[in-house]
Amino acid sequence: MFMYDDRGSEVIGKNKEIIRDLYKKYKEWILDYE
């Protein structure tokens, strides 16, 4: 995980299943931007 300023972070990895599980667990934290 690479965290930067108040805009958020990036999650990068080789195992997409682990990243998918993180997304499912924390998707309510993701803001909708237009």
PDB file of N, CA and C in Angstrom:
ATOM      1  N   MET A   1       0.852  -1.166   0.000  1.00  0.00           N
ATOM      2  CA  MET A   1       0.000   0.000   0.000  1.00  0.00           C
ATOM      3  C   MET A   1       0.893   1.223   0.000  1.00  0.00           C
ATOM      4  N   PHE A   2       0.554   2.186  -0.834  1.00  0.00           N
ATOM      5  CA  PHE A   2       1.278   3.439  -0.926  1.00  0.00           C
ATOM      6  C   PHE A   2       0.318   4.543  -0.532  1.00  0.00           C
ATOM      7  N   MET A   3       0.564   5.142   0.623  1.00  0.00           N
ATOM      8  CA  MET A   3      -0.306   6.221   1.097  1.00  0.00           C
ATOM      9  C   MET A   3       0.338   7.554   0.753  1.00  0.00           C
ATOM     10  N   TYR A   4      -0.478   8.488   0.305  1.00  0.00           N
ATOM     11  CA  TYR A   4       0.015   9.822   0.010  1.00  0.00           C
ATOM     12  C   TYR A   4      -0.862  10.833   0.709  1.00  0.00           C
ATOM     13  N   ASP A   5      -0.966  12.033   0.232  1.00  0.00           N
ATOM     14  CA  ASP A   5      -1.670  13.103   0.939  1.00  0.00           C
ATOM     15  C   ASP A   5      -3.130  12.747   1.249  1.00  0.00           C
ATOM     16  N   ASP A   6      -3.920  13.743   1.577  1.00  0.00           N
ATOM     17  CA  ASP A   6      -5.299  13.512   2.014  1.00  0.00           C
ATOM     18  C   ASP A   6      -6.211  12.961   0.926  1.00  0.00           C
ATOM     19  N   ARG A   7      -5.700  12.776  -0.292  1.00  0.00           N
ATOM     20  CA  ARG A   7      -6.527  12.224  -1.364  1.00  0.00           C
ATOM     21  C   ARG A   7      -6.647  10.716  -1.288  1.00  0.00           C
ATOM     22  N   GLY A   8      -5.774  10.040  -0.543  1.00  0.00           N
ATOM     23  CA  GLY A   8      -5.947   8.596  -0.424  1.00  0.00           C
ATOM     24  C   GLY A   8      -4.689   7.792  -0.534  1.00  0.00           C
ATOM     25  N   SER A   9      -4.824   6.626  -1.142  1.00  0.00           N
ATOM     26  CA  SER A   9      -3.708   5.690  -1.251  1.00  0.00           C
ATOM     27  C   SER A   9      -3.908   4.803  -2.472  1.00  0.00           C
ATOM     28  N   GLU A  10      -2.859   4.077  -2.799  1.00  0.00           N
ATOM     29  CA  GLU A  10      -2.910   3.102  -3.883  1.00  0.00           C
ATOM     30  C   GLU A  10      -2.609   1.733  -3.300  1.00  0.00           C
ATOM     31  N   VAL A  11      -3.326   0.737  -3.757  1.00  0.00           N
ATOM     32  CA  VAL A  11      -3.057  -0.640  -3.352  1.00  0.00           C
ATOM     33  C   VAL A  11      -2.607  -1.388  -4.598  1.00  0.00           C
ATOM     34  N   ILE A  12      -1.379  -1.891  -4.559  1.00  0.00           N
ATOM     35  CA  ILE A  12      -0.792  -2.576  -5.705  1.00  0.00           C
ATOM     36  C   ILE A  12      -0.303  -3.941  -5.248  1.00  0.00           C
ATOM     37  N   GLY A  13      -0.564  -4.969  -6.025  1.00  0.00           N
ATOM     38  CA  GLY A  13      -0.091  -6.296  -5.663  1.00  0.00           C
ATOM     39  C   GLY A  13      -0.210  -7.281  -6.806  1.00  0.00           C
ATOM     40  N   LYS A  14       0.429  -8.411  -6.630  1.00  0.00           N
ATOM     41  CA  LYS A  14       0.402  -9.463  -7.644  1.00  0.00           C
ATOM     42  C   LYS A  14      -0.826 -10.353  -7.524  1.00  0.00           C
ATOM     43  N   ASN A  15      -1.428 -10.413  -6.335  1.00  0.00           N
ATOM     44  CA  ASN A  15      -2.546 -11.313  -6.077  1.00  0.00           C
ATOM     45  C   ASN A  15      -3.859 -10.529  -6.116  1.00  0.00           C
ATOM     46  N   LYS A  16      -4.585 -10.623  -7.228  1.00  0.00           N
ATOM     47  CA  LYS A  16      -5.811  -9.837  -7.368  1.00  0.00           C
ATOM     48  C   LYS A  16      -6.910 -10.275  -6.413  1.00  0.00           C
ATOM     49  N   GLU A  17      -6.881 -11.512  -5.944  1.00  0.00           N
ATOM     50  CA  GLU A  17      -7.907 -11.959  -4.995  1.00  0.00           C
ATOM     51  C   GLU A  17      -7.777 -11.217  -3.661  1.00  0.00           C
ATOM     52  N   ILE A  18      -6.554 -11.002  -3.209  1.00  0.00           N
ATOM     53  CA  ILE A  18      -6.349 -10.267  -1.957  1.00  0.00           C
ATOM     54  C   ILE A  18      -6.806  -8.821  -2.117  1.00  0.00           C
ATOM     55  N   ILE A  19      -6.465  -8.215  -3.252  1.00  0.00           N
ATOM     56  CA  ILE A  19      -6.893  -6.839  -3.496  1.00  0.00           C
ATOM     57  C   ILE A  19      -8.410  -6.773  -3.595  1.00  0.00           C
ATOM     58  N   ARG A  20      -9.028  -7.751  -4.233  1.00  0.00           N
ATOM     59  CA  ARG A  20     -10.489  -7.786  -4.344  1.00  0.00           C
ATOM     60  C   ARG A  20     -11.124  -7.897  -2.960  1.00  0.00           C
ATOM     61  N   ASP A  21     -10.562  -8.716  -2.082  1.00  0.00           N
ATOM     62  CA  ASP A  21     -11.082  -8.841  -0.720  1.00  0.00           C
ATOM     63  C   ASP A  21     -10.978  -7.514   0.032  1.00  0.00           C
ATOM     64  N   LEU A  22      -9.862  -6.802  -0.150  1.00  0.00           N
ATOM     65  CA  LEU A  22      -9.717  -5.483   0.475  1.00  0.00           C
ATOM     66  C   LEU A  22     -10.774  -4.521  -0.052  1.00  0.00           C
ATOM     67  N   TYR A  23     -11.002  -4.555  -1.362  1.00  0.00           N
ATOM     68  CA  TYR A  23     -12.020  -3.685  -1.954  1.00  0.00           C
ATOM     69  C   TYR A  23     -13.395  -3.984  -1.367  1.00  0.00           C
ATOM     70  N   LYS A  24     -13.752  -5.247  -1.302  1.00  0.00           N
ATOM     71  CA  LYS A  24     -15.063  -5.621  -0.769  1.00  0.00           C
ATOM     72  C   LYS A  24     -15.215  -5.192   0.685  1.00  0.00           C
ATOM     73  N   LYS A  25     -14.145  -5.311   1.456  1.00  0.00           N
ATOM     74  CA  LYS A  25     -14.203  -4.972   2.879  1.00  0.00           C
ATOM     75  C   LYS A  25     -14.302  -3.463   3.106  1.00  0.00           C
ATOM     76  N   TYR A  26     -13.611  -2.671   2.268  1.00  0.00           N
ATOM     77  CA  TYR A  26     -13.509  -1.233   2.523  1.00  0.00           C
ATOM     78  C   TYR A  26     -14.136  -0.364   1.439  1.00  0.00           C
ATOM     79  N   LYS A  27     -14.971  -0.926   0.573  1.00  0.00           N
ATOM     80  CA  LYS A  27     -15.508  -0.141  -0.541  1.00  0.00           C
ATOM     81  C   LYS A  27     -16.349   1.047  -0.088  1.00  0.00           C
ATOM     82  N   GLU A  28     -16.921   0.989   1.099  1.00  0.00           N
ATOM     83  CA  GLU A  28     -17.712   2.122   1.580  1.00  0.00           C
ATOM     84  C   GLU A  28     -16.831   3.322   1.920  1.00  0.00           C
ATOM     85  N   TRP A  29     -15.528   3.117   2.030  1.00  0.00           N
ATOM     86  CA  TRP A  29     -14.591   4.214   2.287  1.00  0.00           C
ATOM     87  C   TRP A  29     -14.269   4.987   1.011  1.00  0.00           C
ATOM     88  N   ILE A  30     -14.557   4.407  -0.155  1.00  0.00           N
ATOM     89  CA  ILE A  30     -14.201   5.026  -1.427  1.00  0.00           C
ATOM     90  C   ILE A  30     -15.230   6.102  -1.755  1.00  0.00           C
ATOM     91  N   LEU A  31     -14.742   7.313  -1.985  1.00  0.00           N
ATOM     92  CA  LEU A  31     -15.624   8.430  -2.291  1.00  0.00           C
ATOM     93  C   LEU A  31     -15.986   8.427  -3.765  1.00  0.00           C
ATOM     94  N   ASP A  32     -17.194   8.861  -4.064  1.00  0.00           N
ATOM     95  CA  ASP A  32     -17.634   9.009  -5.449  1.00  0.00           C
ATOM     96  C   ASP A  32     -17.277  10.416  -5.919  1.00  0.00           C
ATOM     97  N   TYR A  33     -16.464  10.500  -6.957  1.00  0.00           N
ATOM     98  CA  TYR A  33     -16.104  11.784  -7.551  1.00  0.00           C
ATOM     99  C   TYR A  33     -16.671  11.847  -8.946  1.00  0.00           C
ATOM    100  N   GLU A  34     -17.090  13.035  -9.328  1.00  0.00           N
ATOM    101  CA  GLU A  34     -17.626  13.226 -10.678  1.00  0.00           C
ATOM    102  C   GLU A  34     -16.697  14.082 -11.485  1.00  0.00           C
TER     103      GLU A  34
END
